[in-house]
Amino acid sequence: ILIGLTASIAATVAVSLLTVVFIQSLPEFIGWMAQSLADFWSWLTGSL
């Protein structure tokens, strides 16, 4: 039980850090996706 309680504290910290990193990287990821779609659309229209 004591090990489980310690693991719970560690889990709370790990999930918090993971969520913060995810939120911070979200704008960059969205920008990358938008640029990738724009590049794909340019390639597609140029090919056609």
ModelCIF file with pLDDT and N, C-alpha, C, O atoms, coordinates in Angstrom:
data_MODEL
#
_entry.id   MODEL 
#
_entity.id                         1 
_entity.type                       polymer 
_entity.pdbx_number_of_molecules   1 
#
_entity_poly.entity_id                      1 
_entity_poly.type                           'polypeptide(L)' 
_entity_poly.nstd_linkage                   no 
_entity_poly.nstd_monomer                   no 
_entity_poly.pdbx_seq_one_letter_code       ILIGLTASIAATVAVSLLTVVFIQSLPEFIGWMAQSLADFWSWLTGSL 
_entity_poly.pdbx_seq_one_letter_code_can   ILIGLTASIAATVAVSLLTVVFIQSLPEFIGWMAQSLADFWSWLTGSL 
_entity_poly.pdbx_strand_id                 A 
#
loop_
_entity_poly_seq.entity_id 
_entity_poly_seq.num 
_entity_poly_seq.mon_id 
_entity_poly_seq.hetero 
1 1  ILE n 
1 2  LEU n 
1 3  ILE n 
1 4  GLY n 
1 5  LEU n 
1 6  THR n 
1 7  ALA n 
1 8  SER n 
1 9  ILE n 
1 10 ALA n 
1 11 ALA n 
1 12 THR n 
1 13 VAL n 
1 14 ALA n 
1 15 VAL n 
1 16 SER n 
1 17 LEU n 
1 18 LEU n 
1 19 THR n 
1 20 VAL n 
1 21 VAL n 
1 22 PHE n 
1 23 ILE n 
1 24 GLN n 
1 25 SER n 
1 26 LEU n 
1 27 PRO n 
1 28 GLU n 
1 29 PHE n 
1 30 ILE n 
1 31 GLY n 
1 32 TRP n 
1 33 MET n 
1 34 ALA n 
1 35 GLN n 
1 36 SER n 
1 37 LEU n 
1 38 ALA n 
1 39 ASP n 
1 40 PHE n 
1 41 TRP n 
1 42 SER n 
1 43 TRP n 
1 44 LEU n 
1 45 THR n 
1 46 GLY n 
1 47 SER n 
1 48 LEU n 
#
_struct_asym.id          A 
_struct_asym.entity_id   1 
#
loop_
_ma_qa_metric.id 
_ma_qa_metric.mode 
_ma_qa_metric.name 
_ma_qa_metric.software_group_id 
_ma_qa_metric.type 
1 global pLDDT . pLDDT 
2 local  pLDDT . pLDDT 
#
_ma_qa_metric_global.metric_id      1 
_ma_qa_metric_global.metric_value   69.38 
_ma_qa_metric_global.model_id       1 
_ma_qa_metric_global.ordinal_id     1 
#
loop_
_ma_qa_metric_local.label_asym_id 
_ma_qa_metric_local.label_comp_id 
_ma_qa_metric_local.label_seq_id 
_ma_qa_metric_local.metric_id 
_ma_qa_metric_local.metric_value 
_ma_qa_metric_local.model_id 
_ma_qa_metric_local.ordinal_id 
A ILE 1  2 89.00 1 1  
A LEU 2  2 91.00 1 2  
A ILE 3  2 89.00 1 3  
A GLY 4  2 88.00 1 4  
A LEU 5  2 89.00 1 5  
A THR 6  2 91.00 1 6  
A ALA 7  2 88.00 1 7  
A SER 8  2 86.00 1 8  
A ILE 9  2 88.00 1 9  
A ALA 10 2 87.00 1 10 
A ALA 11 2 82.00 1 11 
A THR 12 2 81.00 1 12 
A VAL 13 2 83.00 1 13 
A ALA 14 2 77.00 1 14 
A VAL 15 2 73.00 1 15 
A SER 16 2 73.00 1 16 
A LEU 17 2 74.00 1 17 
A LEU 18 2 67.00 1 18 
A THR 19 2 65.00 1 19 
A VAL 20 2 63.00 1 20 
A VAL 21 2 63.00 1 21 
A PHE 22 2 56.00 1 22 
A ILE 23 2 61.00 1 23 
A GLN 24 2 62.00 1 24 
A SER 25 2 60.00 1 25 
A LEU 26 2 55.00 1 26 
A PRO 27 2 66.00 1 27 
A GLU 28 2 66.00 1 28 
A PHE 29 2 51.00 1 29 
A ILE 30 2 65.00 1 30 
A GLY 31 2 65.00 1 31 
A TRP 32 2 58.00 1 32 
A MET 33 2 59.00 1 33 
A ALA 34 2 66.00 1 34 
A GLN 35 2 64.00 1 35 
A SER 36 2 63.00 1 36 
A LEU 37 2 66.00 1 37 
A ALA 38 2 65.00 1 38 
A ASP 39 2 60.00 1 39 
A PHE 40 2 59.00 1 40 
A TRP 41 2 61.00 1 41 
A SER 42 2 66.00 1 42 
A TRP 43 2 58.00 1 43 
A LEU 44 2 55.00 1 44 
A THR 45 2 64.00 1 45 
A GLY 46 2 60.00 1 46 
A SER 47 2 58.00 1 47 
A LEU 48 2 54.00 1 48 
#
loop_
_atom_site.group_PDB 
_atom_site.id 
_atom_site.type_symbol 
_atom_site.label_atom_id 
_atom_site.label_alt_id 
_atom_site.label_comp_id 
_atom_site.label_asym_id 
_atom_site.label_entity_id 
_atom_site.label_seq_id 
_atom_site.pdbx_PDB_ins_code 
_atom_site.Cartn_x 
_atom_site.Cartn_y 
_atom_site.Cartn_z 
_atom_site.occupancy 
_atom_site.B_iso_or_equiv 
_atom_site.pdbx_formal_charge 
_atom_site.auth_seq_id 
_atom_site.auth_comp_id 
_atom_site.auth_asym_id 
_atom_site.auth_atom_id 
_atom_site.pdbx_PDB_model_num 
ATOM 1   N N  . ILE A 1 1  ? 0.841  -1.207 0.000   1.00 89.00 ? 1  ILE A N  1 
ATOM 2   C CA . ILE A 1 1  ? 0.000  0.000  0.000   1.00 89.00 ? 1  ILE A CA 1 
ATOM 3   C C  . ILE A 1 1  ? 0.871  1.250  0.000   1.00 89.00 ? 1  ILE A C  1 
ATOM 4   O O  . ILE A 1 1  ? 0.605  2.188  -0.752  1.00 89.00 ? 1  ILE A O  1 
ATOM 5   N N  . LEU A 1 2  ? 1.908  1.275  0.832   1.00 91.00 ? 2  LEU A N  1 
ATOM 6   C CA . LEU A 1 2  ? 2.808  2.432  0.881   1.00 91.00 ? 2  LEU A CA 1 
ATOM 7   C C  . LEU A 1 2  ? 3.506  2.642  -0.458  1.00 91.00 ? 2  LEU A C  1 
ATOM 8   O O  . LEU A 1 2  ? 3.684  3.776  -0.903  1.00 91.00 ? 2  LEU A O  1 
ATOM 9   N N  . ILE A 1 3  ? 3.898  1.545  -1.094  1.00 89.00 ? 3  ILE A N  1 
ATOM 10  C CA . ILE A 1 3  ? 4.504  1.651  -2.430  1.00 89.00 ? 3  ILE A CA 1 
ATOM 11  C C  . ILE A 1 3  ? 3.482  2.226  -3.413  1.00 89.00 ? 3  ILE A C  1 
ATOM 12  O O  . ILE A 1 3  ? 3.818  3.059  -4.255  1.00 89.00 ? 3  ILE A O  1 
ATOM 13  N N  . GLY A 1 4  ? 2.227  1.770  -3.296  1.00 88.00 ? 4  GLY A N  1 
ATOM 14  C CA . GLY A 1 4  ? 1.170  2.273  -4.176  1.00 88.00 ? 4  GLY A CA 1 
ATOM 15  C C  . GLY A 1 4  ? 0.897  3.750  -3.963  1.00 88.00 ? 4  GLY A C  1 
ATOM 16  O O  . GLY A 1 4  ? 0.662  4.480  -4.926  1.00 88.00 ? 4  GLY A O  1 
ATOM 17  N N  . LEU A 1 5  ? 0.926  4.200  -2.717  1.00 89.00 ? 5  LEU A N  1 
ATOM 18  C CA . LEU A 1 5  ? 0.718  5.623  -2.431  1.00 89.00 ? 5  LEU A CA 1 
ATOM 19  C C  . LEU A 1 5  ? 1.867  6.465  -2.998  1.00 89.00 ? 5  LEU A C  1 
ATOM 20  O O  . LEU A 1 5  ? 1.651  7.552  -3.533  1.00 89.00 ? 5  LEU A O  1 
ATOM 21  N N  . THR A 1 6  ? 3.083  5.943  -2.871  1.00 91.00 ? 6  THR A N  1 
ATOM 22  C CA . THR A 1 6  ? 4.234  6.629  -3.459  1.00 91.00 ? 6  THR A CA 1 
ATOM 23  C C  . THR A 1 6  ? 4.107  6.679  -4.977  1.00 91.00 ? 6  THR A C  1 
ATOM 24  O O  . THR A 1 6  ? 4.394  7.701  -5.600  1.00 91.00 ? 6  THR A O  1 
ATOM 25  N N  . ALA A 1 7  ? 3.672  5.558  -5.571  1.00 88.00 ? 7  ALA A N  1 
ATOM 26  C CA . ALA A 1 7  ? 3.478  5.510  -7.024  1.00 88.00 ? 7  ALA A CA 1 
ATOM 27  C C  . ALA A 1 7  ? 2.389  6.488  -7.455  1.00 88.00 ? 7  ALA A C  1 
ATOM 28  O O  . ALA A 1 7  ? 2.461  7.050  -8.548  1.00 88.00 ? 7  ALA A O  1 
ATOM 29  N N  . SER A 1 8  ? 1.384  6.697  -6.610  1.00 86.00 ? 8  SER A N  1 
ATOM 30  C CA . SER A 1 8  ? 0.304  7.640  -6.932  1.00 86.00 ? 8  SER A CA 1 
ATOM 31  C C  . SER A 1 8  ? 0.829  9.067  -6.997  1.00 86.00 ? 8  SER A C  1 
ATOM 32  O O  . SER A 1 8  ? 0.453  9.838  -7.880  1.00 86.00 ? 8  SER A O  1 
ATOM 33  N N  . ILE A 1 9  ? 1.705  9.411  -6.051  1.00 88.00 ? 9  ILE A N  1 
ATOM 34  C CA . ILE A 1 9  ? 2.311  10.746 -6.065  1.00 88.00 ? 9  ILE A CA 1 
ATOM 35  C C  . ILE A 1 9  ? 3.160  10.913 -7.322  1.00 88.00 ? 9  ILE A C  1 
ATOM 36  O O  . ILE A 1 9  ? 3.090  11.936 -8.003  1.00 88.00 ? 9  ILE A O  1 
ATOM 37  N N  . ALA A 1 10 ? 3.962  9.890  -7.617  1.00 87.00 ? 10 ALA A N  1 
ATOM 38  C CA . ALA A 1 10 ? 4.806  9.939  -8.814  1.00 87.00 ? 10 ALA A CA 1 
ATOM 39  C C  . ALA A 1 10 ? 3.954  10.024 -10.079 1.00 87.00 ? 10 ALA A C  1 
ATOM 40  O O  . ALA A 1 10 ? 4.308  10.728 -11.024 1.00 87.00 ? 10 ALA A O  1 
ATOM 41  N N  . ALA A 1 11 ? 2.820  9.300  -10.092 1.00 82.00 ? 11 ALA A N  1 
ATOM 42  C CA . ALA A 1 11 ? 1.931  9.327  -11.255 1.00 82.00 ? 11 ALA A CA 1 
ATOM 43  C C  . ALA A 1 11 ? 1.337  10.716 -11.461 1.00 82.00 ? 11 ALA A C  1 
ATOM 44  O O  . ALA A 1 11 ? 1.227  11.190 -12.592 1.00 82.00 ? 11 ALA A O  1 
ATOM 45  N N  . THR A 1 12 ? 0.958  11.363 -10.367 1.00 81.00 ? 12 THR A N  1 
ATOM 46  C CA . THR A 1 12 ? 0.403  12.716 -10.456 1.00 81.00 ? 12 THR A CA 1 
ATOM 47  C C  . THR A 1 12 ? 1.419  13.683 -11.049 1.00 81.00 ? 12 THR A C  1 
ATOM 48  O O  . THR A 1 12 ? 1.086  14.505 -11.901 1.00 81.00 ? 12 THR A O  1 
ATOM 49  N N  . VAL A 1 13 ? 2.660  13.575 -10.590 1.00 83.00 ? 13 VAL A N  1 
ATOM 50  C CA . VAL A 1 13 ? 3.727  14.437 -11.111 1.00 83.00 ? 13 VAL A CA 1 
ATOM 51  C C  . VAL A 1 13 ? 3.983  14.139 -12.589 1.00 83.00 ? 13 VAL A C  1 
ATOM 52  O O  . VAL A 1 13 ? 4.120  15.055 -13.400 1.00 83.00 ? 13 VAL A O  1 
ATOM 53  N N  . ALA A 1 14 ? 4.047  12.829 -12.935 1.00 77.00 ? 14 ALA A N  1 
ATOM 54  C CA . ALA A 1 14 ? 4.345  12.431 -14.319 1.00 77.00 ? 14 ALA A CA 1 
ATOM 55  C C  . ALA A 1 14 ? 3.255  12.902 -15.274 1.00 77.00 ? 14 ALA A C  1 
ATOM 56  O O  . ALA A 1 14 ? 3.551  13.433 -16.344 1.00 77.00 ? 14 ALA A O  1 
ATOM 57  N N  . VAL A 1 15 ? 2.003  12.709 -14.891 1.00 73.00 ? 15 VAL A N  1 
ATOM 58  C CA . VAL A 1 15 ? 0.888  13.116 -15.755 1.00 73.00 ? 15 VAL A CA 1 
ATOM 59  C C  . VAL A 1 15 ? 0.860  14.634 -15.901 1.00 73.00 ? 15 VAL A C  1 
ATOM 60  O O  . VAL A 1 15 ? 0.589  15.148 -16.986 1.00 73.00 ? 15 VAL A O  1 
ATOM 61  N N  . SER A 1 16 ? 1.137  15.352 -14.817 1.00 73.00 ? 16 SER A N  1 
ATOM 62  C CA . SER A 1 16 ? 1.157  16.814 -14.877 1.00 73.00 ? 16 SER A CA 1 
ATOM 63  C C  . SER A 1 16 ? 2.232  17.299 -15.841 1.00 73.00 ? 16 SER A C  1 
ATOM 64  O O  . SER A 1 16 ? 1.985  18.177 -16.668 1.00 73.00 ? 16 SER A O  1 
ATOM 65  N N  . LEU A 1 17 ? 3.434  16.718 -15.729 1.00 74.00 ? 17 LEU A N  1 
ATOM 66  C CA . LEU A 1 17 ? 4.527  17.123 -16.614 1.00 74.00 ? 17 LEU A CA 1 
ATOM 67  C C  . LEU A 1 17 ? 4.220  16.779 -18.060 1.00 74.00 ? 17 LEU A C  1 
ATOM 68  O O  . LEU A 1 17 ? 4.478  17.575 -18.963 1.00 74.00 ? 17 LEU A O  1 
ATOM 69  N N  . LEU A 1 18 ? 3.663  15.580 -18.280 1.00 67.00 ? 18 LEU A N  1 
ATOM 70  C CA . LEU A 1 18 ? 3.333  15.151 -19.638 1.00 67.00 ? 18 LEU A CA 1 
ATOM 71  C C  . LEU A 1 18 ? 2.282  16.061 -20.260 1.00 67.00 ? 18 LEU A C  1 
ATOM 72  O O  . LEU A 1 18 ? 2.357  16.398 -21.441 1.00 67.00 ? 18 LEU A O  1 
ATOM 73  N N  . THR A 1 19 ? 1.301  16.454 -19.452 1.00 65.00 ? 19 THR A N  1 
ATOM 74  C CA . THR A 1 19 ? 0.238  17.334 -19.946 1.00 65.00 ? 19 THR A CA 1 
ATOM 75  C C  . THR A 1 19 ? 0.786  18.718 -20.272 1.00 65.00 ? 19 THR A C  1 
ATOM 76  O O  . THR A 1 19 ? 0.418  19.309 -21.288 1.00 65.00 ? 19 THR A O  1 
ATOM 77  N N  . VAL A 1 20 ? 1.664  19.237 -19.414 1.00 63.00 ? 20 VAL A N  1 
ATOM 78  C CA . VAL A 1 20 ? 2.260  20.552 -19.659 1.00 63.00 ? 20 VAL A CA 1 
ATOM 79  C C  . VAL A 1 20 ? 3.079  20.541 -20.945 1.00 63.00 ? 20 VAL A C  1 
ATOM 80  O O  . VAL A 1 20 ? 2.974  21.452 -21.766 1.00 63.00 ? 20 VAL A O  1 
ATOM 81  N N  . VAL A 1 21 ? 3.904  19.491 -21.113 1.00 63.00 ? 21 VAL A N  1 
ATOM 82  C CA . VAL A 1 21 ? 4.724  19.377 -22.327 1.00 63.00 ? 21 VAL A CA 1 
ATOM 83  C C  . VAL A 1 21 ? 3.833  19.276 -23.560 1.00 63.00 ? 21 VAL A C  1 
ATOM 84  O O  . VAL A 1 21 ? 4.120  19.880 -24.593 1.00 63.00 ? 21 VAL A O  1 
ATOM 85  N N  . PHE A 1 22 ? 2.753  18.509 -23.446 1.00 56.00 ? 22 PHE A N  1 
ATOM 86  C CA . PHE A 1 22 ? 1.835  18.341 -24.576 1.00 56.00 ? 22 PHE A CA 1 
ATOM 87  C C  . PHE A 1 22 ? 1.186  19.666 -24.954 1.00 56.00 ? 22 PHE A C  1 
ATOM 88  O O  . PHE A 1 22 ? 1.109  20.011 -26.133 1.00 56.00 ? 22 PHE A O  1 
ATOM 89  N N  . ILE A 1 23 ? 0.715  20.414 -23.944 1.00 61.00 ? 23 ILE A N  1 
ATOM 90  C CA . ILE A 1 23 ? 0.062  21.700 -24.207 1.00 61.00 ? 23 ILE A CA 1 
ATOM 91  C C  . ILE A 1 23 ? 1.053  22.696 -24.815 1.00 61.00 ? 23 ILE A C  1 
ATOM 92  O O  . ILE A 1 23 ? 0.712  23.442 -25.733 1.00 61.00 ? 23 ILE A O  1 
ATOM 93  N N  . GLN A 1 24 ? 2.283  22.700 -24.292 1.00 62.00 ? 24 GLN A N  1 
ATOM 94  C CA . GLN A 1 24 ? 3.282  23.626 -24.804 1.00 62.00 ? 24 GLN A CA 1 
ATOM 95  C C  . GLN A 1 24 ? 3.671  23.315 -26.248 1.00 62.00 ? 24 GLN A C  1 
ATOM 96  O O  . GLN A 1 24 ? 3.951  24.223 -27.031 1.00 62.00 ? 24 GLN A O  1 
ATOM 97  N N  . SER A 1 25 ? 3.687  22.034 -26.595 1.00 60.00 ? 25 SER A N  1 
ATOM 98  C CA . SER A 1 25 ? 4.085  21.640 -27.950 1.00 60.00 ? 25 SER A CA 1 
ATOM 99  C C  . SER A 1 25 ? 2.916  21.640 -28.935 1.00 60.00 ? 25 SER A C  1 
ATOM 100 O O  . SER A 1 25 ? 3.117  21.478 -30.139 1.00 60.00 ? 25 SER A O  1 
ATOM 101 N N  . LEU A 1 26 ? 1.677  21.824 -28.418 1.00 55.00 ? 26 LEU A N  1 
ATOM 102 C CA . LEU A 1 26 ? 0.497  21.768 -29.282 1.00 55.00 ? 26 LEU A CA 1 
ATOM 103 C C  . LEU A 1 26 ? 0.510  22.834 -30.371 1.00 55.00 ? 26 LEU A C  1 
ATOM 104 O O  . LEU A 1 26 ? 0.259  22.499 -31.529 1.00 55.00 ? 26 LEU A O  1 
ATOM 105 N N  . PRO A 1 27 ? 0.794  24.120 -30.058 1.00 66.00 ? 27 PRO A N  1 
ATOM 106 C CA . PRO A 1 27 ? 0.816  25.129 -31.134 1.00 66.00 ? 27 PRO A CA 1 
ATOM 107 C C  . PRO A 1 27 ? 1.828  24.784 -32.233 1.00 66.00 ? 27 PRO A C  1 
ATOM 108 O O  . PRO A 1 27 ? 1.548  24.943 -33.421 1.00 66.00 ? 27 PRO A O  1 
ATOM 109 N N  . GLU A 1 28 ? 3.003  24.310 -31.820 1.00 66.00 ? 28 GLU A N  1 
ATOM 110 C CA . GLU A 1 28 ? 4.018  23.935 -32.804 1.00 66.00 ? 28 GLU A CA 1 
ATOM 111 C C  . GLU A 1 28 ? 3.534  22.768 -33.667 1.00 66.00 ? 28 GLU A C  1 
ATOM 112 O O  . GLU A 1 28 ? 3.757  22.743 -34.877 1.00 66.00 ? 28 GLU A O  1 
ATOM 113 N N  . PHE A 1 29 ? 2.869  21.803 -33.025 1.00 51.00 ? 29 PHE A N  1 
ATOM 114 C CA . PHE A 1 29 ? 2.358  20.651 -33.765 1.00 51.00 ? 29 PHE A CA 1 
ATOM 115 C C  . PHE A 1 29 ? 1.272  21.073 -34.752 1.00 51.00 ? 29 PHE A C  1 
ATOM 116 O O  . PHE A 1 29 ? 1.244  20.613 -35.893 1.00 51.00 ? 29 PHE A O  1 
ATOM 117 N N  . ILE A 1 30 ? 0.376  21.956 -34.298 1.00 65.00 ? 30 ILE A N  1 
ATOM 118 C CA . ILE A 1 30 ? -0.696 22.439 -35.181 1.00 65.00 ? 30 ILE A CA 1 
ATOM 119 C C  . ILE A 1 30 ? -0.096 23.204 -36.362 1.00 65.00 ? 30 ILE A C  1 
ATOM 120 O O  . ILE A 1 30 ? -0.545 23.058 -37.499 1.00 65.00 ? 30 ILE A O  1 
ATOM 121 N N  . GLY A 1 31 ? 0.931  24.026 -36.078 1.00 65.00 ? 31 GLY A N  1 
ATOM 122 C CA . GLY A 1 31 ? 1.598  24.760 -37.151 1.00 65.00 ? 31 GLY A CA 1 
ATOM 123 C C  . GLY A 1 31 ? 2.249  23.826 -38.150 1.00 65.00 ? 31 GLY A C  1 
ATOM 124 O O  . GLY A 1 31 ? 2.171  24.044 -39.359 1.00 65.00 ? 31 GLY A O  1 
ATOM 125 N N  . TRP A 1 32 ? 2.895  22.779 -37.640 1.00 58.00 ? 32 TRP A N  1 
ATOM 126 C CA . TRP A 1 32 ? 3.529  21.792 -38.526 1.00 58.00 ? 32 TRP A CA 1 
ATOM 127 C C  . TRP A 1 32 ? 2.500  21.085 -39.396 1.00 58.00 ? 32 TRP A C  1 
ATOM 128 O O  . TRP A 1 32 ? 2.728  20.863 -40.585 1.00 58.00 ? 32 TRP A O  1 
ATOM 129 N N  . MET A 1 33 ? 1.358  20.729 -38.791 1.00 59.00 ? 33 MET A N  1 
ATOM 130 C CA . MET A 1 33 ? 0.293  20.073 -39.548 1.00 59.00 ? 33 MET A CA 1 
ATOM 131 C C  . MET A 1 33 ? -0.258 21.002 -40.621 1.00 59.00 ? 33 MET A C  1 
ATOM 132 O O  . MET A 1 33 ? -0.495 20.580 -41.753 1.00 59.00 ? 33 MET A O  1 
ATOM 133 N N  . ALA A 1 34 ? -0.463 22.267 -40.263 1.00 66.00 ? 34 ALA A N  1 
ATOM 134 C CA . ALA A 1 34 ? -0.994 23.235 -41.224 1.00 66.00 ? 34 ALA A CA 1 
ATOM 135 C C  . ALA A 1 34 ? -0.027 23.429 -42.382 1.00 66.00 ? 34 ALA A C  1 
ATOM 136 O O  . ALA A 1 34 ? -0.445 23.480 -43.539 1.00 66.00 ? 34 ALA A O  1 
ATOM 137 N N  . GLN A 1 35 ? 1.267  23.537 -42.076 1.00 64.00 ? 35 GLN A N  1 
ATOM 138 C CA . GLN A 1 35 ? 2.269  23.711 -43.123 1.00 64.00 ? 35 GLN A CA 1 
ATOM 139 C C  . GLN A 1 35 ? 2.360  22.473 -44.009 1.00 64.00 ? 35 GLN A C  1 
ATOM 140 O O  . GLN A 1 35 ? 2.522  22.582 -45.225 1.00 64.00 ? 35 GLN A O  1 
ATOM 141 N N  . SER A 1 36 ? 2.254  21.292 -43.394 1.00 63.00 ? 36 SER A N  1 
ATOM 142 C CA . SER A 1 36 ? 2.303  20.048 -44.160 1.00 63.00 ? 36 SER A CA 1 
ATOM 143 C C  . SER A 1 36 ? 1.113  19.949 -45.111 1.00 63.00 ? 36 SER A C  1 
ATOM 144 O O  . SER A 1 36 ? 1.264  19.529 -46.258 1.00 63.00 ? 36 SER A O  1 
ATOM 145 N N  . LEU A 1 37 ? -0.064 20.333 -44.635 1.00 66.00 ? 37 LEU A N  1 
ATOM 146 C CA . LEU A 1 37 ? -1.258 20.312 -45.487 1.00 66.00 ? 37 LEU A CA 1 
ATOM 147 C C  . LEU A 1 37 ? -1.128 21.321 -46.617 1.00 66.00 ? 37 LEU A C  1 
ATOM 148 O O  . LEU A 1 37 ? -1.521 21.051 -47.752 1.00 66.00 ? 37 LEU A O  1 
ATOM 149 N N  . ALA A 1 38 ? -0.569 22.495 -46.296 1.00 65.00 ? 38 ALA A N  1 
ATOM 150 C CA . ALA A 1 38 ? -0.385 23.522 -47.331 1.00 65.00 ? 38 ALA A CA 1 
ATOM 151 C C  . ALA A 1 38 ? 0.604  23.051 -48.387 1.00 65.00 ? 38 ALA A C  1 
ATOM 152 O O  . ALA A 1 38 ? 0.391  23.257 -49.582 1.00 65.00 ? 38 ALA A O  1 
ATOM 153 N N  . ASP A 1 39 ? 1.685  22.418 -47.946 1.00 60.00 ? 39 ASP A N  1 
ATOM 154 C CA . ASP A 1 39 ? 2.676  21.896 -48.890 1.00 60.00 ? 39 ASP A CA 1 
ATOM 155 C C  . ASP A 1 39 ? 2.074  20.791 -49.757 1.00 60.00 ? 39 ASP A C  1 
ATOM 156 O O  . ASP A 1 39 ? 2.326  20.722 -50.960 1.00 60.00 ? 39 ASP A O  1 
ATOM 157 N N  . PHE A 1 40 ? 1.287  19.943 -49.134 1.00 59.00 ? 40 PHE A N  1 
ATOM 158 C CA . PHE A 1 40 ? 0.649  18.853 -49.887 1.00 59.00 ? 40 PHE A CA 1 
ATOM 159 C C  . PHE A 1 40 ? -0.326 19.415 -50.921 1.00 59.00 ? 40 PHE A C  1 
ATOM 160 O O  . PHE A 1 40 ? -0.387 18.946 -52.057 1.00 59.00 ? 40 PHE A O  1 
ATOM 161 N N  . TRP A 1 41 ? -1.083 20.426 -50.503 1.00 61.00 ? 41 TRP A N  1 
ATOM 162 C CA . TRP A 1 41 ? -2.057 21.028 -51.424 1.00 61.00 ? 41 TRP A CA 1 
ATOM 163 C C  . TRP A 1 41 ? -1.342 21.704 -52.601 1.00 61.00 ? 41 TRP A C  1 
ATOM 164 O O  . TRP A 1 41 ? -1.793 21.628 -53.743 1.00 61.00 ? 41 TRP A O  1 
ATOM 165 N N  . SER A 1 42 ? -0.214 22.369 -52.298 1.00 66.00 ? 42 SER A N  1 
ATOM 166 C CA . SER A 1 42 ? 0.566  23.000 -53.389 1.00 66.00 ? 42 SER A CA 1 
ATOM 167 C C  . SER A 1 42 ? 1.097  21.946 -54.347 1.00 66.00 ? 42 SER A C  1 
ATOM 168 O O  . SER A 1 42 ? 1.047  22.113 -55.566 1.00 66.00 ? 42 SER A O  1 
ATOM 169 N N  . TRP A 1 43 ? 1.609  20.851 -53.775 1.00 58.00 ? 43 TRP A N  1 
ATOM 170 C CA . TRP A 1 43 ? 2.114  19.778 -54.630 1.00 58.00 ? 43 TRP A CA 1 
ATOM 171 C C  . TRP A 1 43 ? 1.008  19.171 -55.484 1.00 58.00 ? 43 TRP A C  1 
ATOM 172 O O  . TRP A 1 43 ? 1.198  18.900 -56.669 1.00 58.00 ? 43 TRP A O  1 
ATOM 173 N N  . LEU A 1 44 ? -0.152 18.960 -54.864 1.00 55.00 ? 44 LEU A N  1 
ATOM 174 C CA . LEU A 1 44 ? -1.286 18.340 -55.559 1.00 55.00 ? 44 LEU A CA 1 
ATOM 175 C C  . LEU A 1 44 ? -1.780 19.216 -56.687 1.00 55.00 ? 44 LEU A C  1 
ATOM 176 O O  . LEU A 1 44 ? -1.993 18.738 -57.801 1.00 55.00 ? 44 LEU A O  1 
ATOM 177 N N  . THR A 1 45 ? -1.968 20.522 -56.405 1.00 64.00 ? 45 THR A N  1 
ATOM 178 C CA . THR A 1 45 ? -2.452 21.433 -57.444 1.00 64.00 ? 45 THR A CA 1 
ATOM 179 C C  . THR A 1 45 ? -1.423 21.584 -58.545 1.00 64.00 ? 45 THR A C  1 
ATOM 180 O O  . THR A 1 45 ? -1.786 21.697 -59.716 1.00 64.00 ? 45 THR A O  1 
ATOM 181 N N  . GLY A 1 46 ? -0.133 21.588 -58.191 1.00 60.00 ? 46 GLY A N  1 
ATOM 182 C CA . GLY A 1 46 ? 0.915  21.686 -59.211 1.00 60.00 ? 46 GLY A CA 1 
ATOM 183 C C  . GLY A 1 46 ? 0.953  20.448 -60.078 1.00 60.00 ? 46 GLY A C  1 
ATOM 184 O O  . GLY A 1 46 ? 1.155  20.553 -61.288 1.00 60.00 ? 46 GLY A O  1 
ATOM 185 N N  . SER A 1 47 ? 0.761  19.262 -59.485 1.00 58.00 ? 47 SER A N  1 
ATOM 186 C CA . SER A 1 47 ? 0.774  18.018 -60.226 1.00 58.00 ? 47 SER A CA 1 
ATOM 187 C C  . SER A 1 47 ? -0.394 17.927 -61.187 1.00 58.00 ? 47 SER A C  1 
ATOM 188 O O  . SER A 1 47 ? -0.280 17.367 -62.277 1.00 58.00 ? 47 SER A O  1 
ATOM 189 N N  . LEU A 1 48 ? -1.533 18.493 -60.764 1.00 54.00 ? 48 LEU A N  1 
ATOM 190 C CA . LEU A 1 48 ? -2.745 18.427 -61.610 1.00 54.00 ? 48 LEU A CA 1 
ATOM 191 C C  . LEU A 1 48 ? -2.793 19.572 -62.625 1.00 54.00 ? 48 LEU A C  1 
ATOM 192 O O  . LEU A 1 48 ? -3.739 19.664 -63.407 1.00 54.00 ? 48 LEU A O  1 
#
